[in-house]
N, C-alpha and C. Protein backbone atom coordinates (compact mmCIF):
# COMPACT_ATOMS: atom_id res chain seq x y z
N MET A 1 114.66 12.17 -19.79
CA MET A 1 113.50 11.96 -18.94
C MET A 1 112.20 12.32 -19.66
N SER A 2 112.21 13.40 -20.45
CA SER A 2 110.98 13.80 -21.13
C SER A 2 110.58 12.77 -22.18
N ALA A 3 111.56 12.13 -22.84
CA ALA A 3 111.24 11.08 -23.80
C ALA A 3 110.57 9.91 -23.08
N HIS A 4 111.05 9.60 -21.88
CA HIS A 4 110.47 8.52 -21.09
C HIS A 4 109.03 8.86 -20.70
N LEU A 5 108.78 10.09 -20.30
CA LEU A 5 107.42 10.51 -19.95
C LEU A 5 106.51 10.48 -21.18
N ASN A 6 107.05 10.88 -22.34
CA ASN A 6 106.26 10.83 -23.57
C ASN A 6 105.81 9.40 -23.87
N TYR A 7 106.67 8.43 -23.56
CA TYR A 7 106.34 7.03 -23.79
C TYR A 7 105.09 6.65 -23.01
N HIS A 8 105.06 7.05 -21.73
CA HIS A 8 103.92 6.69 -20.88
C HIS A 8 102.67 7.50 -21.20
N THR A 9 102.84 8.72 -21.62
CA THR A 9 101.67 9.57 -21.88
C THR A 9 101.23 9.51 -23.34
N LYS A 10 102.00 8.84 -24.19
CA LYS A 10 101.67 8.69 -25.62
C LYS A 10 101.34 10.04 -26.24
N ARG A 11 102.34 10.91 -26.30
CA ARG A 11 102.12 12.27 -26.77
C ARG A 11 102.39 12.47 -28.25
N PHE A 12 102.57 11.41 -29.00
CA PHE A 12 102.85 11.54 -30.43
C PHE A 12 101.58 11.16 -31.19
N GLU A 13 100.86 12.17 -31.66
CA GLU A 13 99.55 11.96 -32.27
C GLU A 13 99.64 11.85 -33.78
N CYS A 14 98.94 10.86 -34.35
CA CYS A 14 98.86 10.70 -35.80
C CYS A 14 98.08 11.87 -36.37
N SER A 15 98.64 12.50 -37.39
CA SER A 15 97.98 13.67 -37.99
C SER A 15 96.81 13.27 -38.89
N PHE A 16 96.65 11.97 -39.16
CA PHE A 16 95.55 11.50 -40.01
C PHE A 16 94.34 11.04 -39.21
N CYS A 17 94.59 10.23 -38.16
CA CYS A 17 93.45 9.64 -37.44
C CYS A 17 93.38 10.02 -35.97
N GLY A 18 94.42 10.71 -35.47
CA GLY A 18 94.40 11.15 -34.08
C GLY A 18 94.89 10.12 -33.08
N LYS A 19 95.27 8.93 -33.55
CA LYS A 19 95.77 7.91 -32.63
C LYS A 19 97.03 8.42 -31.95
N ASN A 20 97.15 8.17 -30.63
CA ASN A 20 98.33 8.58 -29.88
C ASN A 20 99.30 7.42 -29.77
N LEU A 21 100.56 7.72 -30.08
CA LEU A 21 101.59 6.69 -30.04
C LEU A 21 102.70 7.10 -29.08
N SER A 22 103.51 6.11 -28.67
CA SER A 22 104.47 6.34 -27.60
C SER A 22 105.80 6.92 -28.05
N SER A 23 106.07 6.94 -29.35
CA SER A 23 107.34 7.53 -29.81
C SER A 23 107.14 8.15 -31.19
N LYS A 24 108.07 9.01 -31.54
CA LYS A 24 108.02 9.66 -32.85
C LYS A 24 108.14 8.61 -33.96
N MET A 25 109.05 7.64 -33.76
CA MET A 25 109.24 6.60 -34.76
C MET A 25 107.97 5.76 -34.93
N SER A 26 107.31 5.43 -33.82
CA SER A 26 106.06 4.68 -33.90
C SER A 26 105.01 5.48 -34.66
N ARG A 27 104.92 6.78 -34.37
CA ARG A 27 103.96 7.62 -35.07
C ARG A 27 104.27 7.69 -36.56
N ASP A 28 105.56 7.91 -36.89
CA ASP A 28 105.96 8.00 -38.30
C ASP A 28 105.63 6.71 -39.05
N ASN A 29 105.94 5.55 -38.44
CA ASN A 29 105.62 4.27 -39.07
C ASN A 29 104.11 4.10 -39.22
N HIS A 30 103.36 4.49 -38.19
CA HIS A 30 101.90 4.39 -38.23
C HIS A 30 101.33 5.27 -39.35
N GLU A 31 101.83 6.48 -39.47
CA GLU A 31 101.30 7.40 -40.49
C GLU A 31 101.50 6.86 -41.90
N MET A 32 102.52 6.04 -42.10
CA MET A 32 102.73 5.45 -43.43
C MET A 32 101.61 4.49 -43.80
N THR A 33 100.86 3.97 -42.81
CA THR A 33 99.71 3.12 -43.14
C THR A 33 98.63 3.95 -43.82
N HIS A 34 98.59 5.25 -43.53
CA HIS A 34 97.62 6.15 -44.16
C HIS A 34 98.09 6.62 -45.53
N THR A 35 99.38 6.89 -45.66
CA THR A 35 99.91 7.46 -46.90
C THR A 35 100.25 6.39 -47.93
N GLY A 36 100.46 5.15 -47.45
CA GLY A 36 100.88 4.08 -48.35
C GLY A 36 102.36 4.13 -48.67
N GLU A 37 103.08 5.04 -48.03
CA GLU A 37 104.51 5.20 -48.29
C GLU A 37 105.27 3.95 -47.84
N LYS A 38 106.17 3.48 -48.71
CA LYS A 38 107.03 2.34 -48.41
C LYS A 38 108.42 2.68 -48.92
N PRO A 39 109.21 3.38 -48.10
CA PRO A 39 110.48 3.92 -48.58
C PRO A 39 111.64 2.92 -48.68
N PHE A 40 111.47 1.70 -48.18
CA PHE A 40 112.57 0.75 -48.19
C PHE A 40 112.37 -0.28 -49.29
N SER A 41 113.29 -0.30 -50.27
CA SER A 41 113.16 -1.15 -51.46
C SER A 41 114.08 -2.36 -51.39
N CYS A 42 113.55 -3.50 -51.78
CA CYS A 42 114.34 -4.73 -51.84
C CYS A 42 115.33 -4.62 -52.98
N ARG A 43 116.56 -5.04 -52.74
CA ARG A 43 117.59 -4.99 -53.79
C ARG A 43 117.52 -6.20 -54.72
N PHE A 44 116.65 -7.17 -54.41
CA PHE A 44 116.55 -8.37 -55.23
C PHE A 44 115.27 -8.44 -56.07
N CYS A 45 114.25 -7.71 -55.65
CA CYS A 45 112.99 -7.75 -56.39
C CYS A 45 112.31 -6.38 -56.30
N GLU A 46 111.08 -6.29 -56.74
CA GLU A 46 110.38 -5.01 -56.84
C GLU A 46 109.65 -4.59 -55.56
N ARG A 47 109.69 -5.40 -54.51
CA ARG A 47 108.89 -5.10 -53.32
C ARG A 47 109.46 -3.95 -52.50
N ASN A 48 108.55 -3.21 -51.86
CA ASN A 48 108.92 -2.09 -50.99
C ASN A 48 108.27 -2.29 -49.63
N PHE A 49 108.89 -1.69 -48.60
CA PHE A 49 108.44 -1.91 -47.23
C PHE A 49 108.43 -0.62 -46.44
N ARG A 50 107.56 -0.57 -45.43
CA ARG A 50 107.45 0.62 -44.58
C ARG A 50 108.62 0.75 -43.63
N THR A 51 109.16 -0.37 -43.15
CA THR A 51 110.23 -0.29 -42.16
C THR A 51 111.47 -1.05 -42.62
N LYS A 52 112.60 -0.65 -42.10
CA LYS A 52 113.88 -1.30 -42.39
C LYS A 52 113.85 -2.75 -41.90
N ASN A 53 113.22 -2.98 -40.75
CA ASN A 53 113.13 -4.35 -40.22
C ASN A 53 112.36 -5.27 -41.15
N HIS A 54 111.25 -4.78 -41.70
CA HIS A 54 110.48 -5.60 -42.64
C HIS A 54 111.28 -5.88 -43.91
N LEU A 55 112.03 -4.88 -44.38
CA LEU A 55 112.88 -5.07 -45.55
C LEU A 55 113.94 -6.13 -45.28
N THR A 56 114.62 -6.02 -44.15
CA THR A 56 115.68 -6.97 -43.81
C THR A 56 115.14 -8.39 -43.73
N ALA A 57 114.01 -8.56 -43.07
CA ALA A 57 113.40 -9.90 -42.98
C ALA A 57 113.07 -10.43 -44.37
N HIS A 58 112.56 -9.57 -45.24
CA HIS A 58 112.23 -9.99 -46.61
C HIS A 58 113.49 -10.36 -47.39
N GLU A 59 114.52 -9.52 -47.33
CA GLU A 59 115.75 -9.81 -48.08
C GLU A 59 116.39 -11.11 -47.62
N ASP A 60 116.25 -11.43 -46.35
CA ASP A 60 116.79 -12.69 -45.85
C ASP A 60 116.15 -13.89 -46.55
N THR A 61 114.90 -13.75 -47.03
CA THR A 61 114.27 -14.87 -47.75
C THR A 61 114.97 -15.10 -49.09
N HIS A 62 115.46 -14.04 -49.72
CA HIS A 62 116.20 -14.19 -50.97
C HIS A 62 117.55 -14.86 -50.72
N LEU A 63 118.14 -14.57 -49.59
CA LEU A 63 119.47 -15.10 -49.27
C LEU A 63 119.40 -16.45 -48.58
N ASP A 64 118.18 -16.92 -48.32
CA ASP A 64 117.93 -18.17 -47.60
C ASP A 64 118.67 -18.21 -46.27
N LYS A 65 118.72 -17.07 -45.60
CA LYS A 65 119.30 -17.03 -44.25
C LYS A 65 118.33 -17.67 -43.28
N ARG A 66 118.84 -18.61 -42.51
CA ARG A 66 118.03 -19.30 -41.52
C ARG A 66 118.83 -19.37 -40.22
N PRO A 67 118.94 -18.25 -39.53
CA PRO A 67 119.83 -18.19 -38.38
C PRO A 67 119.30 -18.84 -37.10
N PHE A 68 118.03 -19.23 -37.07
CA PHE A 68 117.46 -19.78 -35.84
C PHE A 68 117.42 -21.30 -35.94
N ILE A 69 118.21 -21.95 -35.10
CA ILE A 69 118.44 -23.39 -35.17
C ILE A 69 117.80 -24.07 -33.97
N CYS A 70 117.04 -25.13 -34.24
CA CYS A 70 116.41 -25.89 -33.18
C CYS A 70 117.48 -26.64 -32.39
N ALA A 71 117.37 -26.60 -31.07
CA ALA A 71 118.33 -27.27 -30.20
C ALA A 71 118.06 -28.78 -30.12
N GLN A 72 116.90 -29.21 -30.60
CA GLN A 72 116.52 -30.62 -30.48
C GLN A 72 116.64 -31.41 -31.78
N CYS A 73 116.66 -30.71 -32.91
CA CYS A 73 116.73 -31.38 -34.20
C CYS A 73 117.43 -30.45 -35.19
N PRO A 74 117.72 -30.91 -36.41
CA PRO A 74 118.48 -30.07 -37.35
C PRO A 74 117.70 -28.97 -38.07
N LYS A 75 116.43 -28.78 -37.77
CA LYS A 75 115.65 -27.77 -38.49
C LYS A 75 116.13 -26.36 -38.19
N THR A 76 116.06 -25.51 -39.22
CA THR A 76 116.45 -24.10 -39.09
C THR A 76 115.30 -23.22 -39.57
N PHE A 77 115.29 -21.97 -39.09
CA PHE A 77 114.17 -21.07 -39.37
C PHE A 77 114.65 -19.66 -39.63
N ARG A 78 113.88 -18.94 -40.44
CA ARG A 78 114.19 -17.54 -40.73
C ARG A 78 113.81 -16.62 -39.58
N ARG A 79 112.76 -17.01 -38.86
CA ARG A 79 112.25 -16.15 -37.80
C ARG A 79 112.25 -16.87 -36.46
N ARG A 80 112.58 -16.13 -35.41
CA ARG A 80 112.59 -16.68 -34.06
C ARG A 80 111.20 -17.20 -33.69
N SER A 81 110.16 -16.48 -34.12
CA SER A 81 108.79 -16.90 -33.78
C SER A 81 108.47 -18.27 -34.39
N HIS A 82 108.99 -18.55 -35.59
CA HIS A 82 108.74 -19.85 -36.22
C HIS A 82 109.47 -20.96 -35.46
N LEU A 83 110.68 -20.67 -34.98
CA LEU A 83 111.41 -21.64 -34.17
C LEU A 83 110.64 -21.92 -32.88
N ARG A 84 110.12 -20.87 -32.26
CA ARG A 84 109.37 -21.02 -31.01
C ARG A 84 108.15 -21.93 -31.22
N ILE A 85 107.44 -21.72 -32.32
CA ILE A 85 106.28 -22.57 -32.62
C ILE A 85 106.73 -24.01 -32.88
N HIS A 86 107.79 -24.17 -33.68
CA HIS A 86 108.31 -25.51 -33.97
C HIS A 86 108.72 -26.23 -32.70
N PHE A 87 109.37 -25.51 -31.79
CA PHE A 87 109.91 -26.13 -30.58
C PHE A 87 108.80 -26.78 -29.75
N ARG A 88 107.59 -26.30 -29.91
CA ARG A 88 106.46 -26.89 -29.19
C ARG A 88 106.22 -28.34 -29.61
N THR A 89 106.69 -28.73 -30.81
CA THR A 89 106.56 -30.13 -31.21
C THR A 89 107.43 -31.01 -30.33
N HIS A 90 108.51 -30.46 -29.79
CA HIS A 90 109.40 -31.21 -28.91
C HIS A 90 108.92 -31.18 -27.46
N THR A 91 108.37 -30.06 -27.03
CA THR A 91 107.96 -29.91 -25.63
C THR A 91 106.54 -30.38 -25.38
N GLY A 92 105.74 -30.42 -26.44
CA GLY A 92 104.33 -30.78 -26.27
C GLY A 92 103.48 -29.61 -25.78
N GLU A 93 104.07 -28.43 -25.70
CA GLU A 93 103.34 -27.25 -25.22
C GLU A 93 102.20 -26.91 -26.18
N LYS A 94 101.03 -26.68 -25.62
CA LYS A 94 99.85 -26.30 -26.41
C LYS A 94 99.15 -25.16 -25.68
N PRO A 95 99.66 -23.94 -25.88
CA PRO A 95 99.15 -22.80 -25.09
C PRO A 95 97.79 -22.26 -25.51
N TYR A 96 97.29 -22.67 -26.67
CA TYR A 96 96.01 -22.15 -27.15
C TYR A 96 94.92 -23.18 -26.87
N LEU A 97 94.02 -22.85 -25.94
CA LEU A 97 92.99 -23.78 -25.52
C LEU A 97 91.63 -23.39 -26.09
N CYS A 98 90.93 -24.40 -26.59
CA CYS A 98 89.57 -24.19 -27.07
C CYS A 98 88.69 -23.82 -25.88
N LYS A 99 87.92 -22.75 -26.00
CA LYS A 99 87.05 -22.29 -24.91
C LYS A 99 85.85 -23.21 -24.72
N ILE A 100 85.59 -24.06 -25.70
CA ILE A 100 84.42 -24.93 -25.62
C ILE A 100 84.77 -26.30 -25.05
N CYS A 101 85.86 -26.92 -25.55
CA CYS A 101 86.18 -28.28 -25.11
C CYS A 101 87.53 -28.40 -24.41
N SER A 102 88.27 -27.31 -24.30
CA SER A 102 89.58 -27.26 -23.62
C SER A 102 90.69 -28.01 -24.35
N ARG A 103 90.48 -28.41 -25.59
CA ARG A 103 91.55 -29.05 -26.36
C ARG A 103 92.65 -28.02 -26.61
N GLY A 104 93.91 -28.45 -26.50
CA GLY A 104 95.04 -27.55 -26.66
C GLY A 104 95.64 -27.60 -28.06
N PHE A 105 96.21 -26.47 -28.47
CA PHE A 105 96.83 -26.36 -29.78
C PHE A 105 98.14 -25.59 -29.67
N ALA A 106 99.11 -25.96 -30.49
CA ALA A 106 100.41 -25.29 -30.49
C ALA A 106 100.35 -23.95 -31.21
N GLN A 107 99.40 -23.80 -32.15
CA GLN A 107 99.29 -22.56 -32.92
C GLN A 107 97.86 -22.02 -32.84
N SER A 108 97.75 -20.71 -32.78
CA SER A 108 96.43 -20.09 -32.66
C SER A 108 95.56 -20.38 -33.88
N GLY A 109 96.17 -20.42 -35.08
CA GLY A 109 95.40 -20.69 -36.29
C GLY A 109 94.76 -22.06 -36.28
N ASP A 110 95.47 -23.05 -35.72
CA ASP A 110 94.90 -24.39 -35.62
C ASP A 110 93.70 -24.40 -34.67
N MET A 111 93.80 -23.64 -33.58
CA MET A 111 92.68 -23.56 -32.64
C MET A 111 91.48 -22.87 -33.30
N ASN A 112 91.75 -21.80 -34.05
CA ASN A 112 90.65 -21.09 -34.72
C ASN A 112 89.94 -22.00 -35.73
N SER A 113 90.71 -22.80 -36.47
CA SER A 113 90.10 -23.76 -37.40
C SER A 113 89.27 -24.79 -36.64
N HIS A 114 89.78 -25.24 -35.50
CA HIS A 114 89.10 -26.23 -34.69
C HIS A 114 87.74 -25.73 -34.20
N LEU A 115 87.63 -24.45 -33.91
CA LEU A 115 86.38 -23.89 -33.38
C LEU A 115 85.19 -24.19 -34.29
N PHE A 116 85.43 -24.30 -35.60
CA PHE A 116 84.34 -24.61 -36.53
C PHE A 116 83.74 -25.99 -36.27
N THR A 117 84.52 -26.90 -35.65
CA THR A 117 83.98 -28.24 -35.39
C THR A 117 82.84 -28.19 -34.38
N HIS A 118 82.78 -27.13 -33.58
CA HIS A 118 81.72 -26.99 -32.59
C HIS A 118 80.49 -26.29 -33.17
N SER A 119 80.60 -25.78 -34.36
CA SER A 119 79.52 -25.02 -34.98
C SER A 119 78.84 -25.87 -36.03
N GLN A 120 77.59 -25.61 -36.25
CA GLN A 120 76.87 -26.28 -37.34
C GLN A 120 77.08 -25.54 -38.66
N GLU A 121 77.74 -24.38 -38.57
CA GLU A 121 77.96 -23.55 -39.75
C GLU A 121 78.89 -24.26 -40.74
N ARG A 122 78.50 -24.25 -42.00
CA ARG A 122 79.30 -24.83 -43.08
C ARG A 122 79.29 -23.83 -44.24
N PRO A 123 80.15 -22.80 -44.14
CA PRO A 123 80.06 -21.70 -45.10
C PRO A 123 80.66 -21.98 -46.48
N PHE A 124 81.39 -23.07 -46.64
CA PHE A 124 82.06 -23.35 -47.91
C PHE A 124 81.25 -24.41 -48.68
N VAL A 125 80.57 -23.97 -49.74
CA VAL A 125 79.59 -24.82 -50.44
C VAL A 125 80.05 -25.09 -51.88
N CYS A 126 80.00 -26.36 -52.26
CA CYS A 126 80.31 -26.79 -53.63
C CYS A 126 79.06 -26.64 -54.49
N GLU A 127 79.26 -26.55 -55.82
CA GLU A 127 78.14 -26.47 -56.75
C GLU A 127 77.23 -27.69 -56.64
N CYS A 128 77.77 -28.82 -56.19
CA CYS A 128 76.97 -30.05 -56.08
C CYS A 128 76.11 -30.07 -54.83
N GLY A 129 76.27 -29.06 -53.97
CA GLY A 129 75.43 -28.96 -52.78
C GLY A 129 76.09 -29.39 -51.48
N VAL A 130 77.22 -30.06 -51.55
CA VAL A 130 77.92 -30.48 -50.34
C VAL A 130 78.61 -29.26 -49.72
N SER A 131 78.52 -29.14 -48.39
CA SER A 131 79.13 -27.97 -47.73
C SER A 131 80.16 -28.42 -46.70
N PHE A 132 81.07 -27.50 -46.40
CA PHE A 132 82.20 -27.80 -45.52
C PHE A 132 82.43 -26.68 -44.53
N ARG A 133 83.03 -27.04 -43.40
CA ARG A 133 83.39 -26.04 -42.39
C ARG A 133 84.65 -25.28 -42.77
N GLN A 134 85.55 -25.96 -43.50
CA GLN A 134 86.84 -25.35 -43.82
C GLN A 134 87.04 -25.29 -45.33
N LYS A 135 87.65 -24.20 -45.78
CA LYS A 135 87.89 -23.97 -47.21
C LYS A 135 88.76 -25.08 -47.80
N ARG A 136 89.77 -25.52 -47.06
CA ARG A 136 90.69 -26.54 -47.59
C ARG A 136 89.95 -27.85 -47.88
N ASN A 137 88.92 -28.17 -47.10
CA ASN A 137 88.15 -29.39 -47.36
C ASN A 137 87.30 -29.25 -48.62
N LEU A 138 86.75 -28.05 -48.86
CA LEU A 138 86.02 -27.81 -50.10
C LEU A 138 86.96 -27.95 -51.30
N GLU A 139 88.16 -27.40 -51.20
CA GLU A 139 89.12 -27.48 -52.30
C GLU A 139 89.50 -28.93 -52.59
N LYS A 140 89.69 -29.73 -51.54
CA LYS A 140 90.00 -31.15 -51.71
C LYS A 140 88.82 -31.86 -52.40
N HIS A 141 87.61 -31.52 -51.98
CA HIS A 141 86.40 -32.09 -52.58
C HIS A 141 86.30 -31.74 -54.07
N LYS A 142 86.59 -30.48 -54.41
CA LYS A 142 86.51 -30.05 -55.81
C LYS A 142 87.53 -30.80 -56.67
N LYS A 143 88.69 -31.13 -56.11
CA LYS A 143 89.69 -31.91 -56.86
C LYS A 143 89.13 -33.30 -57.20
N ASN A 144 88.34 -33.86 -56.28
CA ASN A 144 87.71 -35.16 -56.57
C ASN A 144 86.77 -35.05 -57.75
N HIS A 145 86.03 -33.94 -57.86
CA HIS A 145 85.15 -33.72 -59.02
C HIS A 145 85.98 -33.68 -60.30
N GLN A 146 87.12 -33.00 -60.26
CA GLN A 146 87.97 -32.88 -61.45
C GLN A 146 88.52 -34.24 -61.87
N GLU A 147 88.87 -35.08 -60.89
CA GLU A 147 89.40 -36.40 -61.19
C GLU A 147 88.33 -37.30 -61.81
N GLU A 148 87.06 -37.08 -61.43
CA GLU A 148 85.95 -37.87 -61.98
C GLU A 148 85.72 -37.55 -63.45
N ASN A 149 86.01 -36.32 -63.87
CA ASN A 149 85.75 -35.88 -65.25
C ASN A 149 86.89 -36.18 -66.17
């Protein structure tokens, strides 16, 4: 019961920044962000991780484990979240709505990129003076310069 109460009262305080966390494990993992400690080492490469879960997910990339299978097509995924995003291509679900024009997007990153279309801001500038809203468009433009030379 006391562990349950600790969860609600967040009685596990970070000794570095004072942030209160709901469990000892959460606090210990959080404190590693301050110390830089990464005690879990990949057995296939040099990378280290703060949590066992992050290590396991990483090692699965070496083993090409893709346990999440789409029920609508043969695609497979390493992460459940990637399957969930992919599945929206079958359902048409677009949960991320632009606050300006109400256009829907399946992924938050696509919506964030779209927001630049409503702005006059063009922060990505080529040496030739042409500017772009998105970095990828500047990179594509620069390739055209390289092909000309």
